[in-house]
N, C-alpha and C. Protein backbone atom coordinates (compact mmCIF):
# COMPACT_ATOMS: atom_id res chain seq x y z
N MET A 1 -0.95 20.74 4.76
CA MET A 1 -1.60 19.38 4.22
C MET A 1 -1.49 18.58 5.28
N SER A 2 -2.72 18.01 5.01
CA SER A 2 -3.86 17.10 6.14
C SER A 2 -2.88 16.07 7.13
N LYS A 3 -2.57 15.77 8.15
CA LYS A 3 -1.81 14.85 9.00
C LYS A 3 -2.78 13.40 9.40
N ASP A 4 -4.22 14.02 9.21
CA ASP A 4 -5.20 12.93 9.54
C ASP A 4 -5.12 11.78 9.06
N ILE A 5 -5.10 10.29 9.14
CA ILE A 5 -4.95 9.18 9.68
C ILE A 5 -6.13 8.83 9.59
N MET A 6 -6.52 7.47 8.25
CA MET A 6 -8.01 7.44 8.24
C MET A 6 -7.33 5.66 8.71
N THR A 7 -7.70 5.40 9.61
CA THR A 7 -7.52 3.48 10.34
C THR A 7 -8.43 2.52 9.32
N THR A 8 -7.67 1.59 9.82
CA THR A 8 -8.65 0.85 8.91
C THR A 8 -10.12 0.68 8.94
N LYS A 9 -10.25 0.33 10.64
CA LYS A 9 -11.70 0.31 11.19
C LYS A 9 -12.21 1.56 10.72
N GLU A 10 -12.07 2.61 10.50
CA GLU A 10 -12.31 3.60 10.22
C GLU A 10 -13.15 3.73 8.37
N LEU A 11 -12.08 3.31 8.18
CA LEU A 11 -12.44 2.91 6.54
C LEU A 11 -13.59 2.21 6.31
N SER A 12 -13.24 0.63 6.83
CA SER A 12 -14.43 -0.48 7.00
C SER A 12 -15.96 0.28 7.29
N ASN A 13 -16.10 0.90 8.40
CA ASN A 13 -17.19 1.87 8.94
C ASN A 13 -17.65 2.87 7.95
N ARG A 14 -16.99 3.40 7.09
CA ARG A 14 -17.33 4.15 6.03
C ARG A 14 -17.86 3.95 4.70
N ILE A 15 -17.39 2.48 4.78
CA ILE A 15 -17.51 1.60 3.75
C ILE A 15 -18.65 1.01 3.65
N ALA A 16 -19.21 0.14 5.22
CA ALA A 16 -20.48 -0.35 5.79
C ALA A 16 -21.49 0.98 5.24
N THR A 17 -21.25 2.27 5.66
CA THR A 17 -22.30 3.36 6.05
C THR A 17 -22.71 3.89 4.37
N GLU A 18 -22.02 3.82 3.36
CA GLU A 18 -21.85 4.18 1.81
C GLU A 18 -22.31 2.93 1.49
N THR A 19 -22.20 1.28 1.62
CA THR A 19 -22.70 0.58 0.83
C THR A 19 -24.07 -0.08 1.56
N GLY A 20 -24.87 0.02 2.65
CA GLY A 20 -25.45 -0.30 3.17
C GLY A 20 -25.37 -2.06 4.06
N ILE A 21 -23.89 -2.30 3.93
CA ILE A 21 -23.75 -3.46 4.42
C ILE A 21 -23.43 -3.42 5.71
N THR A 22 -23.27 -4.48 6.80
CA THR A 22 -23.41 -4.68 8.15
C THR A 22 -21.48 -4.18 8.22
N LYS A 23 -21.18 -3.68 9.17
CA LYS A 23 -19.85 -3.14 9.42
C LYS A 23 -19.17 -4.46 10.20
N ARG A 24 -20.01 -5.59 10.72
CA ARG A 24 -19.13 -7.27 10.19
C ARG A 24 -18.71 -7.49 8.96
N GLN A 25 -19.67 -7.33 7.77
CA GLN A 25 -19.65 -7.55 6.55
C GLN A 25 -18.47 -6.67 6.11
N SER A 26 -18.26 -5.48 6.36
CA SER A 26 -17.43 -4.70 5.68
C SER A 26 -15.76 -4.56 6.31
N ASP A 27 -15.54 -5.45 7.81
CA ASP A 27 -14.50 -5.80 8.60
C ASP A 27 -13.67 -6.96 7.64
N GLU A 28 -14.85 -7.82 7.63
CA GLU A 28 -14.42 -9.15 6.93
C GLU A 28 -13.92 -8.64 4.96
N LEU A 29 -14.95 -7.68 4.53
CA LEU A 29 -14.48 -7.67 3.18
C LEU A 29 -12.91 -6.62 3.41
N MET A 30 -13.07 -5.94 4.26
CA MET A 30 -11.44 -5.25 4.27
C MET A 30 -10.37 -6.33 4.83
N SER A 31 -10.44 -7.01 5.14
CA SER A 31 -9.55 -8.54 6.11
C SER A 31 -9.21 -9.28 4.29
N ALA A 32 -10.36 -9.24 4.16
CA ALA A 32 -10.16 -10.48 2.98
C ALA A 32 -9.54 -9.78 1.25
N THR A 33 -9.50 -8.51 1.32
CA THR A 33 -8.85 -7.78 0.44
C THR A 33 -7.62 -7.55 0.74
N VAL A 34 -6.99 -7.23 2.12
CA VAL A 34 -5.31 -7.05 2.41
C VAL A 34 -4.95 -8.57 1.72
N ASP A 35 -5.81 -9.02 2.28
CA ASP A 35 -5.08 -11.00 2.38
C ASP A 35 -4.69 -10.99 1.05
N VAL A 36 -5.80 -11.22 0.10
CA VAL A 36 -5.80 -11.33 -1.34
C VAL A 36 -4.62 -10.19 -1.96
N ILE A 37 -4.58 -9.19 -1.25
CA ILE A 37 -3.43 -8.30 -2.01
C ILE A 37 -2.14 -9.02 -1.88
N THR A 38 -1.96 -9.19 -0.47
CA THR A 38 -1.01 -9.71 0.25
C THR A 38 -0.20 -10.84 -0.57
N GLU A 39 -1.21 -11.72 -0.73
CA GLU A 39 -1.14 -13.08 -1.41
C GLU A 39 -0.32 -13.07 -2.82
N ALA A 40 -0.80 -12.31 -3.58
CA ALA A 40 -0.61 -11.46 -5.00
C ALA A 40 0.62 -11.04 -5.11
N LEU A 41 0.65 -10.20 -4.13
CA LEU A 41 2.31 -9.65 -4.14
C LEU A 41 3.65 -10.42 -4.28
N ASN A 42 3.08 -11.72 -2.85
CA ASN A 42 4.12 -12.30 -2.22
C ASN A 42 4.45 -13.50 -4.04
N GLU A 43 3.21 -13.61 -4.93
CA GLU A 43 3.25 -14.48 -5.75
C GLU A 43 4.01 -13.05 -7.01
N ASP A 44 4.75 -12.12 -6.69
CA ASP A 44 4.98 -11.20 -7.69
C ASP A 44 4.00 -10.63 -8.56
N LYS A 45 3.10 -11.08 -8.40
CA LYS A 45 2.13 -9.95 -9.70
C LYS A 45 1.59 -8.66 -9.58
N THR A 46 1.04 -7.99 -10.56
CA THR A 46 1.22 -6.62 -10.06
C THR A 46 -0.59 -6.29 -10.30
N ILE A 47 -0.85 -5.58 -8.83
CA ILE A 47 -2.28 -5.82 -8.71
C ILE A 47 -2.43 -3.90 -9.52
N GLN A 48 -3.55 -3.76 -10.29
CA GLN A 48 -3.88 -2.47 -10.99
C GLN A 48 -5.74 -2.61 -10.49
N LEU A 49 -5.80 -1.46 -9.81
CA LEU A 49 -7.07 -0.94 -9.59
C LEU A 49 -7.54 0.22 -10.32
N GLN A 50 -8.42 0.12 -11.10
CA GLN A 50 -8.70 1.20 -11.84
C GLN A 50 -9.18 2.00 -11.54
N ASN A 51 -9.07 3.27 -11.77
CA ASN A 51 -8.95 4.71 -11.30
C ASN A 51 -8.45 4.45 -10.00
N PHE A 52 -7.84 4.28 -9.71
CA PHE A 52 -6.54 4.27 -8.18
C PHE A 52 -5.73 3.94 -8.50
N GLY A 53 -4.78 2.55 -9.08
CA GLY A 53 -3.49 2.59 -9.48
C GLY A 53 -2.82 1.43 -9.43
N GLN A 54 -1.74 0.96 -9.13
CA GLN A 54 -0.75 0.16 -9.47
C GLN A 54 -0.16 -0.46 -8.08
N LEU A 55 -0.47 -1.38 -7.66
CA LEU A 55 0.60 -2.14 -6.28
C LEU A 55 1.92 -3.04 -7.40
N GLN A 56 3.17 -3.29 -6.87
CA GLN A 56 4.06 -3.90 -7.41
C GLN A 56 5.37 -3.94 -6.28
N VAL A 57 5.49 -5.68 -6.67
CA VAL A 57 7.05 -5.71 -6.24
C VAL A 57 8.14 -5.56 -6.48
N LYS A 58 9.08 -4.66 -6.58
CA LYS A 58 10.38 -4.51 -7.26
C LYS A 58 11.59 -4.78 -6.31
N GLU A 59 12.55 -5.30 -7.48
CA GLU A 59 13.38 -5.47 -6.60
C GLU A 59 15.06 -4.48 -6.65
N ARG A 60 15.21 -4.18 -5.22
CA ARG A 60 16.00 -3.17 -5.19
C ARG A 60 17.38 -3.97 -4.42
N GLU A 61 18.69 -3.25 -5.53
CA GLU A 61 19.75 -4.05 -5.85
C GLU A 61 20.63 -3.73 -4.53
N SER A 62 21.52 -4.09 -4.07
CA SER A 62 22.40 -3.74 -2.80
C SER A 62 23.13 -2.96 -3.09
N ARG A 63 23.41 -1.58 -2.23
CA ARG A 63 23.82 -0.32 -2.53
C ARG A 63 25.22 0.25 -1.01
N LYS A 64 25.65 1.36 -1.87
CA LYS A 64 26.14 1.42 -0.78
C LYS A 64 25.93 2.50 0.45
N VAL A 65 25.65 2.45 1.88
CA VAL A 65 25.30 3.56 2.44
C VAL A 65 25.78 4.15 3.69
N MET A 66 25.76 4.76 4.38
CA MET A 66 26.41 5.93 5.74
C MET A 66 25.96 5.76 6.89
N ASN A 67 26.23 5.61 7.70
CA ASN A 67 25.50 5.70 8.77
C ASN A 67 25.95 7.34 8.95
N PRO A 68 25.02 8.78 9.20
CA PRO A 68 25.02 9.61 9.71
C PRO A 68 26.01 9.84 10.35
N LYS A 69 25.64 9.13 12.06
CA LYS A 69 25.98 9.35 13.06
C LYS A 69 26.98 9.45 13.28
N THR A 70 27.75 7.76 12.76
CA THR A 70 29.15 7.50 12.94
C THR A 70 30.15 7.30 11.78
N GLY A 71 29.46 7.85 10.72
CA GLY A 71 30.79 7.85 9.15
C GLY A 71 30.49 6.80 8.78
N GLU A 72 30.20 5.75 9.47
CA GLU A 72 30.54 4.12 8.87
C GLU A 72 29.69 3.51 7.46
N LYS A 73 30.44 3.68 6.61
CA LYS A 73 29.90 2.75 5.60
C LYS A 73 29.93 1.38 5.24
N ARG A 74 28.97 1.21 4.53
CA ARG A 74 29.05 -0.34 4.48
C ARG A 74 27.64 -0.53 3.05
N ILE A 75 27.61 -1.81 3.20
CA ILE A 75 26.23 -2.16 1.73
C ILE A 75 25.17 -2.99 2.25
N ALA A 76 24.12 -2.18 2.51
CA ALA A 76 22.71 -2.66 2.38
C ALA A 76 22.45 -3.35 1.22
N GLY A 77 21.88 -4.62 1.52
CA GLY A 77 22.04 -5.94 0.91
C GLY A 77 20.33 -5.60 -0.46
N ALA A 78 20.39 -6.44 -1.12
CA ALA A 78 19.17 -6.09 -2.07
C ALA A 78 18.06 -6.98 -1.40
N LYS A 79 16.68 -5.78 -1.79
CA LYS A 79 15.73 -6.22 -0.98
C LYS A 79 14.24 -5.87 -1.80
N ARG A 80 13.21 -6.52 -1.55
CA ARG A 80 11.90 -6.42 -2.06
C ARG A 80 11.38 -5.29 -1.42
N VAL A 81 11.30 -4.42 -2.58
CA VAL A 81 10.37 -3.19 -2.18
C VAL A 81 8.73 -3.03 -2.39
N ILE A 82 7.58 -2.71 -2.37
CA ILE A 82 6.57 -2.19 -2.48
C ILE A 82 6.73 -0.91 -3.46
N THR A 83 5.70 -0.97 -4.54
CA THR A 83 5.82 0.15 -5.23
C THR A 83 4.63 0.54 -5.22
N PHE A 84 4.08 2.27 -5.49
CA PHE A 84 2.31 2.31 -5.56
C PHE A 84 3.01 3.56 -6.52
N ALA A 85 2.17 4.01 -8.25
CA ALA A 85 1.54 4.05 -8.88
C ALA A 85 0.35 4.90 -8.84
N ALA A 86 -0.04 5.42 -8.63
CA ALA A 86 -1.26 6.41 -8.92
C ALA A 86 -1.92 6.35 -10.33
N ASN A 87 -2.90 6.01 -10.43
CA ASN A 87 -3.47 6.53 -11.96
C ASN A 87 -3.72 7.63 -11.68
N GLN A 88 -3.67 7.92 -13.04
CA GLN A 88 -4.17 9.53 -13.25
C GLN A 88 -5.42 10.20 -13.06
N ASN A 89 -6.58 9.60 -12.91
CA ASN A 89 -7.84 9.77 -12.54
C ASN A 89 -7.49 10.24 -10.85
N LEU A 90 -6.87 9.20 -10.31
CA LEU A 90 -7.18 9.73 -9.14
C LEU A 90 -6.23 10.83 -8.70
N LYS A 91 -5.13 10.61 -9.61
CA LYS A 91 -3.96 12.11 -9.33
C LYS A 91 -4.84 13.54 -9.64
N LEU A 92 -5.57 13.74 -10.83
CA LEU A 92 -6.70 14.17 -10.63
C LEU A 92 -7.71 14.52 -9.84
N LYS A 93 -7.86 13.75 -9.40
CA LYS A 93 -9.06 14.11 -8.03
C LYS A 93 -8.55 14.58 -6.94
N VAL A 94 -6.95 14.36 -6.71
CA VAL A 94 -6.60 14.91 -5.39
C VAL A 94 -6.12 15.81 -5.10
N ARG A 95 -6.14 17.10 -6.45
CA ARG A 95 -5.43 17.95 -6.69
C ARG A 95 -5.85 19.25 -5.24
């Protein structure tokens, strides 16, 4: 399994190369995309990207946890988490 990480800058450069837009336009597009997705998730909207997957915020209930070093038990509070579910087409392409 590969440990290589594609950074936002690398992704932006690749989009610029493949679409023929400037790197600056691609950077602006990436920034705007992240901003719009973040806003939508904060508004509890589900993001569905065709042939890619679905992002959504779910509520995680409080639960009992234990510190493995000290054995101390406590309650971890409820929180909101972002989940991603890959689309079937993406799953088939990544195999």
